[in-house]
Each structure stands twice: as structure tokens, then as C-alpha cells.
PDB file of N, CA and C in Angstrom:
ATOM      1  N   MET A   1       0.843  -1.190   0.000  1.00  0.00           N
ATOM      2  CA  MET A   1       0.000   0.000   0.000  1.00  0.00           C
ATOM      3  C   MET A   1       0.884   1.248   0.000  1.00  0.00           C
ATOM      4  N   ALA A   2       0.539   2.218  -0.824  1.00  0.00           N
ATOM      5  CA  ALA A   2       1.339   3.438  -0.961  1.00  0.00           C
ATOM      6  C   ALA A   2       1.191   4.317   0.277  1.00  0.00           C
ATOM      7  N   LYS A   3       2.302   4.903   0.666  1.00  0.00           N
ATOM      8  CA  LYS A   3       2.312   5.817   1.801  1.00  0.00           C
ATOM      9  C   LYS A   3       1.669   7.142   1.382  1.00  0.00           C
ATOM     10  N   GLU A   4       0.854   7.711   2.267  1.00  0.00           N
ATOM     11  CA  GLU A   4       0.210   8.991   1.971  1.00  0.00           C
ATOM     12  C   GLU A   4       1.257  10.092   1.896  1.00  0.00           C
ATOM     13  N   PHE A   5       1.102  11.004   0.925  1.00  0.00           N
ATOM     14  CA  PHE A   5       2.056  12.084   0.720  1.00  0.00           C
ATOM     15  C   PHE A   5       2.004  13.084   1.866  1.00  0.00           C
ATOM     16  N   GLU A   6       3.173  13.431   2.386  1.00  0.00           N
ATOM     17  CA  GLU A   6       3.296  14.463   3.410  1.00  0.00           C
ATOM     18  C   GLU A   6       4.204  15.560   2.863  1.00  0.00           C
ATOM     19  N   HIS A   7       3.654  16.766   2.702  1.00  0.00           N
ATOM     20  CA  HIS A   7       4.495  17.859   2.219  1.00  0.00           C
ATOM     21  C   HIS A   7       5.512  18.226   3.294  1.00  0.00           C
ATOM     22  N   LYS A   8       6.670  18.670   2.865  1.00  0.00           N
ATOM     23  CA  LYS A   8       7.723  19.075   3.785  1.00  0.00           C
ATOM     24  C   LYS A   8       8.034  20.566   3.664  1.00  0.00           C
ATOM     25  N   THR A   9       7.464  21.214   2.647  1.00  0.00           N
ATOM     26  CA  THR A   9       7.823  22.592   2.346  1.00  0.00           C
ATOM     27  C   THR A   9       6.593  23.479   2.278  1.00  0.00           C
ATOM     28  N   GLU A  10       6.612  24.577   3.009  1.00  0.00           N
ATOM     29  CA  GLU A  10       5.588  25.616   2.887  1.00  0.00           C
ATOM     30  C   GLU A  10       6.258  26.852   2.311  1.00  0.00           C
ATOM     31  N   MET A  11       5.568  27.503   1.395  1.00  0.00           N
ATOM     32  CA  MET A  11       6.095  28.684   0.723  1.00  0.00           C
ATOM     33  C   MET A  11       5.231  29.891   1.092  1.00  0.00           C
ATOM     34  N   ARG A  12       5.868  31.066   1.228  1.00  0.00           N
ATOM     35  CA  ARG A  12       5.119  32.305   1.450  1.00  0.00           C
ATOM     36  C   ARG A  12       5.560  33.331   0.416  1.00  0.00           C
ATOM     37  N   CYS A  13       4.577  33.889  -0.296  1.00  0.00           N
ATOM     38  CA  CYS A  13       4.855  34.927  -1.290  1.00  0.00           C
ATOM     39  C   CYS A  13       5.032  36.250  -0.568  1.00  0.00           C
ATOM     40  N   ASN A  14       6.112  36.949  -0.848  1.00  0.00           N
ATOM     41  CA  ASN A  14       6.354  38.243  -0.216  1.00  0.00           C
ATOM     42  C   ASN A  14       5.567  39.372  -0.866  1.00  0.00           C
ATOM     43  N   LYS A  15       4.963  39.117  -2.035  1.00  0.00           N
ATOM     44  CA  LYS A  15       4.146  40.143  -2.699  1.00  0.00           C
ATOM     45  C   LYS A  15       2.726  40.163  -2.129  1.00  0.00           C
ATOM     46  N   CYS A  16       2.089  38.986  -2.033  1.00  0.00           N
ATOM     47  CA  CYS A  16       0.686  38.939  -1.611  1.00  0.00           C
ATOM     48  C   CYS A  16       0.475  38.307  -0.238  1.00  0.00           C
ATOM     49  N   GLY A  17       1.508  37.673   0.313  1.00  0.00           N
ATOM     50  CA  GLY A  17       1.394  37.072   1.642  1.00  0.00           C
ATOM     51  C   GLY A  17       0.797  35.680   1.677  1.00  0.00           C
ATOM     52  N   SER A  18       0.453  35.093   0.526  1.00  0.00           N
ATOM     53  CA  SER A  18      -0.109  33.737   0.493  1.00  0.00           C
ATOM     54  C   SER A  18       0.869  32.736   1.078  1.00  0.00           C
ATOM     55  N   VAL A  19       0.363  31.798   1.874  1.00  0.00           N
ATOM     56  CA  VAL A  19       1.151  30.676   2.377  1.00  0.00           C
ATOM     57  C   VAL A  19       0.500  29.418   1.812  1.00  0.00           C
ATOM     58  N   PHE A  20       1.285  28.573   1.149  1.00  0.00           N
ATOM     59  CA  PHE A  20       0.719  27.406   0.481  1.00  0.00           C
ATOM     60  C   PHE A  20       1.758  26.306   0.334  1.00  0.00           C
ATOM     61  N   TRP A  21       1.306  25.105  -0.093  1.00  0.00           N
ATOM     62  CA  TRP A  21       2.148  23.920  -0.236  1.00  0.00           C
ATOM     63  C   TRP A  21       1.442  22.954  -1.170  1.00  0.00           C
ATOM     64  N   SER A  22       2.172  21.943  -1.645  1.00  0.00           N
ATOM     65  CA  SER A  22       1.568  20.895  -2.465  1.00  0.00           C
ATOM     66  C   SER A  22       0.747  19.989  -1.554  1.00  0.00           C
ATOM     67  N   ARG A  23      -0.532  19.818  -1.880  1.00  0.00           N
ATOM     68  CA  ARG A  23      -1.416  18.980  -1.058  1.00  0.00           C
ATOM     69  C   ARG A  23      -1.276  17.505  -1.395  1.00  0.00           C
ATOM     70  N   TYR A  24      -0.784  17.213  -2.579  1.00  0.00           N
ATOM     71  CA  TYR A  24      -0.507  15.835  -2.969  1.00  0.00           C
ATOM     72  C   TYR A  24       0.735  15.838  -3.849  1.00  0.00           C
ATOM     73  N   SER A  25       1.340  14.693  -4.009  1.00  0.00           N
ATOM     74  CA  SER A  25       2.595  14.569  -4.734  1.00  0.00           C
ATOM     75  C   SER A  25       2.471  15.095  -6.162  1.00  0.00           C
ATOM     76  N   GLY A  26       3.331  16.059  -6.500  1.00  0.00           N
ATOM     77  CA  GLY A  26       3.363  16.609  -7.844  1.00  0.00           C
ATOM     78  C   GLY A  26       2.360  17.715  -8.096  1.00  0.00           C
ATOM     79  N   GLU A  27       1.655  18.161  -7.061  1.00  0.00           N
ATOM     80  CA  GLU A  27       0.684  19.239  -7.275  1.00  0.00           C
ATOM     81  C   GLU A  27       1.406  20.568  -7.447  1.00  0.00           C
ATOM     82  N   PHE A  28       1.062  21.285  -8.516  1.00  0.00           N
ATOM     83  CA  PHE A  28       1.610  22.602  -8.816  1.00  0.00           C
ATOM     84  C   PHE A  28       0.670  23.625  -8.205  1.00  0.00           C
ATOM     85  N   ARG A  29       1.148  24.381  -7.191  1.00  0.00           N
ATOM     86  CA  ARG A  29       0.326  25.384  -6.510  1.00  0.00           C
ATOM     87  C   ARG A  29       0.937  26.758  -6.709  1.00  0.00           C
ATOM     88  N   VAL A  30       0.096  27.778  -6.795  1.00  0.00           N
ATOM     89  CA  VAL A  30       0.558  29.143  -7.017  1.00  0.00           C
ATOM     90  C   VAL A  30      -0.018  30.069  -5.941  1.00  0.00           C
ATOM     91  N   CYS A  31       0.628  31.212  -5.752  1.00  0.00           N
ATOM     92  CA  CYS A  31       0.145  32.215  -4.810  1.00  0.00           C
ATOM     93  C   CYS A  31      -1.039  32.971  -5.420  1.00  0.00           C
ATOM     94  N   ALA A  32      -1.652  33.822  -4.606  1.00  0.00           N
ATOM     95  CA  ALA A  32      -2.828  34.578  -5.049  1.00  0.00           C
ATOM     96  C   ALA A  32      -2.517  35.576  -6.159  1.00  0.00           C
ATOM     97  N   CYS A  33      -1.298  36.093  -6.211  1.00  0.00           N
ATOM     98  CA  CYS A  33      -0.986  37.112  -7.229  1.00  0.00           C
ATOM     99  C   CYS A  33      -0.373  36.526  -8.506  1.00  0.00           C
ATOM    100  N   TRP A  34      -0.256  35.217  -8.597  1.00  0.00           N
ATOM    101  CA  TRP A  34       0.353  34.563  -9.755  1.00  0.00           C
ATOM    102  C   TRP A  34      -0.299  34.986 -11.071  1.00  0.00           C
ATOM    103  N   HIS A  35      -1.626  34.962 -11.141  1.00  0.00           N
ATOM    104  CA  HIS A  35      -2.341  35.251 -12.391  1.00  0.00           C
ATOM    105  C   HIS A  35      -2.738  36.716 -12.542  1.00  0.00           C
ATOM    106  N   THR A  36      -2.593  37.498 -11.485  1.00  0.00           N
ATOM    107  CA  THR A  36      -3.083  38.877 -11.538  1.00  0.00           C
ATOM    108  C   THR A  36      -1.986  39.913 -11.640  1.00  0.00           C
ATOM    109  N   SER A  37      -0.750  39.499 -11.757  1.00  0.00           N
ATOM    110  CA  SER A  37       0.354  40.439 -11.836  1.00  0.00           C
ATOM    111  C   SER A  37       0.249  41.255 -13.122  1.00  0.00           C
ATOM    112  N   PRO A  38       0.131  42.595 -13.018  1.00  0.00           N
ATOM    113  CA  PRO A  38      -0.087  43.420 -14.206  1.00  0.00           C
ATOM    114  C   PRO A  38       1.063  43.405 -15.219  1.00  0.00           C
ATOM    115  N   ASN A  39       2.281  43.225 -14.775  1.00  0.00           N
ATOM    116  CA  ASN A  39       3.400  43.235 -15.724  1.00  0.00           C
ATOM    117  C   ASN A  39       3.918  41.835 -16.033  1.00  0.00           C
ATOM    118  N   GLY A  40       3.184  40.801 -15.610  1.00  0.00           N
ATOM    119  CA  GLY A  40       3.535  39.431 -15.958  1.00  0.00           C
ATOM    120  C   GLY A  40       4.695  38.840 -15.187  1.00  0.00           C
ATOM    121  N   ASP A  41       5.118  39.488 -14.085  1.00  0.00           N
ATOM    122  CA  ASP A  41       6.248  38.928 -13.343  1.00  0.00           C
ATOM    123  C   ASP A  41       5.807  37.888 -12.323  1.00  0.00           C
ATOM    124  N   GLY A  42       4.525  37.623 -12.276  1.00  0.00           N
ATOM    125  CA  GLY A  42       4.007  36.476 -11.558  1.00  0.00           C
ATOM    126  C   GLY A  42       4.047  36.315 -10.095  1.00  0.00           C
ATOM    127  N   GLY A  43       4.543  36.243  -9.159  1.00  0.00           N
ATOM    128  CA  GLY A  43       4.463  35.740  -7.810  1.00  0.00           C
ATOM    129  C   GLY A  43       5.363  34.537  -7.682  1.00  0.00           C
ATOM    130  N   CYS A  44       4.808  33.497  -7.099  1.00  0.00           N
ATOM    131  CA  CYS A  44       5.623  32.292  -6.904  1.00  0.00           C
ATOM    132  C   CYS A  44       4.750  31.043  -6.939  1.00  0.00           C
ATOM    133  N   ALA A  45       5.410  29.900  -7.043  1.00  0.00           N
ATOM    134  CA  ALA A  45       4.712  28.620  -7.139  1.00  0.00           C
ATOM    135  C   ALA A  45       5.600  27.523  -6.568  1.00  0.00           C
ATOM    136  N   ILE A  46       4.966  26.391  -6.230  1.00  0.00           N
ATOM    137  CA  ILE A  46       5.696  25.243  -5.690  1.00  0.00           C
ATOM    138  C   ILE A  46       5.158  23.968  -6.347  1.00  0.00           C
ATOM    139  N   ASP A  47       6.030  22.996  -6.479  1.00  0.00           N
ATOM    140  CA  ASP A  47       5.685  21.668  -7.001  1.00  0.00           C
ATOM    141  C   ASP A  47       6.553  20.686  -6.232  1.00  0.00           C
ATOM    142  N   GLU A  48       5.958  19.906  -5.328  1.00  0.00           N
ATOM    143  CA  GLU A  48       6.740  18.994  -4.479  1.00  0.00           C
ATOM    144  C   GLU A  48       6.256  17.558  -4.645  1.00  0.00           C
ATOM    145  N   THR A  49       7.210  16.631  -4.696  1.00  0.00           N
ATOM    146  CA  THR A  49       6.922  15.198  -4.677  1.00  0.00           C
ATOM    147  C   THR A  49       7.769  14.568  -3.580  1.00  0.00           C
ATOM    148  N   GLU A  50       7.731  13.267  -3.511  1.00  0.00           N
ATOM    149  CA  GLU A  50       8.586  12.551  -2.559  1.00  0.00           C
ATOM    150  C   GLU A  50      10.055  12.650  -2.944  1.00  0.00           C
ATOM    151  N   HIS A  51      10.334  13.006  -4.207  1.00  0.00           N
ATOM    152  CA  HIS A  51      11.695  12.975  -4.730  1.00  0.00           C
ATOM    153  C   HIS A  51      12.326  14.345  -4.973  1.00  0.00           C
ATOM    154  N   TYR A  52      11.524  15.384  -5.108  1.00  0.00           N
ATOM    155  CA  TYR A  52      12.075  16.716  -5.364  1.00  0.00           C
ATOM    156  C   TYR A  52      11.093  17.779  -4.898  1.00  0.00           C
ATOM    157  N   CYS A  53      11.583  19.003  -4.814  1.00  0.00           N
ATOM    158  CA  CYS A  53      10.730  20.154  -4.557  1.00  0.00           C
ATOM    159  C   CYS A  53      11.196  21.277  -5.470  1.00  0.00           C
ATOM    160  N   ARG A  54      10.289  21.781  -6.290  1.00  0.00           N
ATOM    161  CA  ARG A  54      10.613  22.842  -7.244  1.00  0.00           C
ATOM    162  C   ARG A  54       9.974  24.139  -6.762  1.00  0.00           C
ATOM    163  N   TRP A  55      10.786  25.191  -6.622  1.00  0.00           N
ATOM    164  CA  TRP A  55      10.320  26.525  -6.246  1.00  0.00           C
ATOM    165  C   TRP A  55      10.426  27.415  -7.465  1.00  0.00           C
ATOM    166  N   ILE A  56       9.370  28.176  -7.734  1.00  0.00           N
ATOM    167  CA  ILE A  56       9.337  29.035  -8.908  1.00  0.00           C
ATOM    168  C   ILE A  56       9.028  30.450  -8.444  1.00  0.00           C
ATOM    169  N   GLY A  57       9.772  31.412  -8.960  1.00  0.00           N
ATOM    170  CA  GLY A  57       9.580  32.800  -8.588  1.00  0.00           C
ATOM    171  C   GLY A  57      10.850  33.364  -7.989  1.00  0.00           C
ATOM    172  N   SER A  58      10.770  34.607  -7.537  1.00  0.00           N
ATOM    173  CA  SER A  58      11.975  35.224  -6.985  1.00  0.00           C
ATOM    174  C   SER A  58      11.738  35.948  -5.674  1.00  0.00           C
ATOM    175  N   ASP A  59      10.500  36.199  -5.300  1.00  0.00           N
ATOM    176  CA  ASP A  59      10.219  36.959  -4.090  1.00  0.00           C
ATOM    177  C   ASP A  59       9.381  36.118  -3.134  1.00  0.00           C
ATOM    178  N   PHE A  60      10.014  35.106  -2.529  1.00  0.00           N
ATOM    179  CA  PHE A  60       9.312  34.192  -1.636  1.00  0.00           C
ATOM    180  C   PHE A  60      10.226  33.740  -0.513  1.00  0.00           C
ATOM    181  N   GLU A  61       9.609  33.107   0.472  1.00  0.00           N
ATOM    182  CA  GLU A  61      10.347  32.519   1.595  1.00  0.00           C
ATOM    183  C   GLU A  61       9.829  31.103   1.820  1.00  0.00           C
ATOM    184  N   ILE A  62      10.642  30.287   2.465  1.00  0.00           N
ATOM    185  CA  ILE A  62      10.317  28.907   2.784  1.00  0.00           C
ATOM    186  C   ILE A  62      10.345  28.749   4.304  1.00  0.00           C
ATOM    187  N   ARG A  63       9.389  27.975   4.848  1.00  0.00           N
ATOM    188  CA  ARG A  63       9.370  27.733   6.294  1.00  0.00           C
ATOM    189  C   ARG A  63      10.398  26.672   6.652  1.00  0.00           C
ATOM    190  N   ASN A  64      11.253  26.951   7.643  1.00  0.00           N
ATOM    191  CA  ASN A  64      12.268  25.986   8.061  1.00  0.00           C
ATOM    192  C   ASN A  64      11.715  25.036   9.123  1.00  0.00           C
ATOM    193  N   THR A  65      12.534  24.118   9.594  1.00  0.00           N
ATOM    194  CA  THR A  65      12.080  23.121  10.560  1.00  0.00           C
ATOM    195  C   THR A  65      11.719  23.723  11.913  1.00  0.00           C
ATOM    196  N   LYS A  66      12.176  24.939  12.193  1.00  0.00           N
ATOM    197  CA  LYS A  66      11.817  25.627  13.437  1.00  0.00           C
ATOM    198  C   LYS A  66      10.506  26.400  13.300  1.00  0.00           C
ATOM    199  N   GLY A  67       9.914  26.385  12.105  1.00  0.00           N
ATOM    200  CA  GLY A  67       8.665  27.091  11.872  1.00  0.00           C
ATOM    201  C   GLY A  67       8.839  28.536  11.458  1.00  0.00           C
ATOM    202  N   GLU A  68      10.063  28.947  11.149  1.00  0.00           N
ATOM    203  CA  GLU A  68      10.357  30.323  10.758  1.00  0.00           C
ATOM    204  C   GLU A  68      10.510  30.400   9.242  1.00  0.00           C
ATOM    205  N   PHE A  69      10.041  31.493   8.662  1.00  0.00           N
ATOM    206  CA  PHE A  69      10.225  31.688   7.228  1.00  0.00           C
ATOM    207  C   PHE A  69      11.593  32.315   6.964  1.00  0.00           C
ATOM    208  N   HIS A  70      12.234  31.899   5.879  1.00  0.00           N
ATOM    209  CA  HIS A  70      13.535  32.432   5.484  1.00  0.00           C
ATOM    210  C   HIS A  70      13.671  32.371   3.973  1.00  0.00           C
ATOM    211  N   VAL A  71      14.566  33.178   3.447  1.00  0.00           N
ATOM    212  CA  VAL A  71      14.867  33.141   2.018  1.00  0.00           C
ATOM    213  C   VAL A  71      15.821  31.967   1.798  1.00  0.00           C
ATOM    214  N   PRO A  72      15.439  30.998   0.961  1.00  0.00           N
ATOM    215  CA  PRO A  72      16.287  29.817   0.775  1.00  0.00           C
ATOM    216  C   PRO A  72      17.498  30.102  -0.107  1.00  0.00           C
ATOM    217  N   LYS A  73      18.513  29.293   0.066  1.00  0.00           N
ATOM    218  CA  LYS A  73      19.642  29.318  -0.860  1.00  0.00           C
ATOM    219  C   LYS A  73      19.170  28.593  -2.106  1.00  0.00           C
ATOM    220  N   LEU A  74      19.221  29.267  -3.222  1.00  0.00           N
ATOM    221  CA  LEU A  74      18.713  28.684  -4.454  1.00  0.00           C
ATOM    222  C   LEU A  74      19.807  27.942  -5.195  1.00  0.00           C
ATOM    223  N   VAL A  75      19.425  26.827  -5.768  1.00  0.00           N
ATOM    224  CA  VAL A  75      20.342  25.996  -6.532  1.00  0.00           C
ATOM    225  C   VAL A  75      19.768  25.831  -7.924  1.00  0.00           C
ATOM    226  N   ALA A  76      20.556  26.107  -8.920  1.00  0.00           N
ATOM    227  CA  ALA A  76      20.117  25.924 -10.303  1.00  0.00           C
ATOM    228  C   ALA A  76      20.470  24.510 -10.737  1.00  0.00           C
ATOM    229  N   LEU A  77      19.492  23.804 -11.264  1.00  0.00           N
ATOM    230  CA  LEU A  77      19.699  22.444 -11.763  1.00  0.00           C
ATOM    231  C   LEU A  77      19.388  22.408 -13.244  1.00  0.00           C
ATOM    232  N   ARG A  78      20.039  21.526 -13.933  1.00  0.00           N
ATOM    233  CA  ARG A  78      19.698  21.329 -15.335  1.00  0.00           C
ATOM    234  C   ARG A  78      19.705  19.843 -15.626  1.00  0.00           C
ATOM    235  N   GLU A  79      18.973  19.462 -16.649  1.00  0.00           N
ATOM    236  CA  GLU A  79      18.921  18.066 -17.031  1.00  0.00           C
ATOM    237  C   GLU A  79      20.201  17.669 -17.733  1.00  0.00           C
ATOM    238  N   LYS A  80      20.533  16.391 -17.606  1.00  0.00           N
ATOM    239  CA  LYS A  80      21.696  15.875 -18.317  1.00  0.00           C
ATOM    240  C   LYS A  80      21.399  15.845 -19.809  1.00  0.00           C
ATOM    241  N   ASP A  81      22.415  16.081 -20.601  1.00  0.00           N
ATOM    242  CA  ASP A  81      22.258  16.027 -22.067  1.00  0.00           C
ATOM    243  C   ASP A  81      22.107  14.597 -22.528  1.00  0.00           C
TER     244      ASP A  81
END
């Protein structure tokens, strides 16, 4: 039997204040200002599975294990050729 998905990452948008997370494995979630940004610069989004967590955007914070929000160290990844 498959283990129920438990998110490990909560994201907070610094533009609109939304706090959100993936409710199930691979769910793509966006903040409240994602679709309403007048100049198309978007907000932020998250996509988390058991194997990875993808953060999208530039003005957000992540909740740490102590329950505090912080700006994460970002790592750029690319696919192998």
C-alpha cells in the first residue's frame, strides 16, 4: 500500500502574503498574485513530490524546521544532455 504524501515545504509569497504547499505529490500550486500580476512577473509557485521540490519565482520565503520563514539558498539544476 502506498504511503500517503506528506508535504515538507511551505512557501510564502512576499508580494501577496499567500502561504501554500503541495497537497498531494506533484501538485503545482501558485500564490494569489500569480495570475493577476499586471506586468507578468508572476508571484511564486511550488511543485513537491517525494523525490524533489521545485520553487518558482523570486520573491518568496520557505518555512524551516523551526517554523520560521527564510529566504532559501537557491540551486540551479539542469537536465543531463
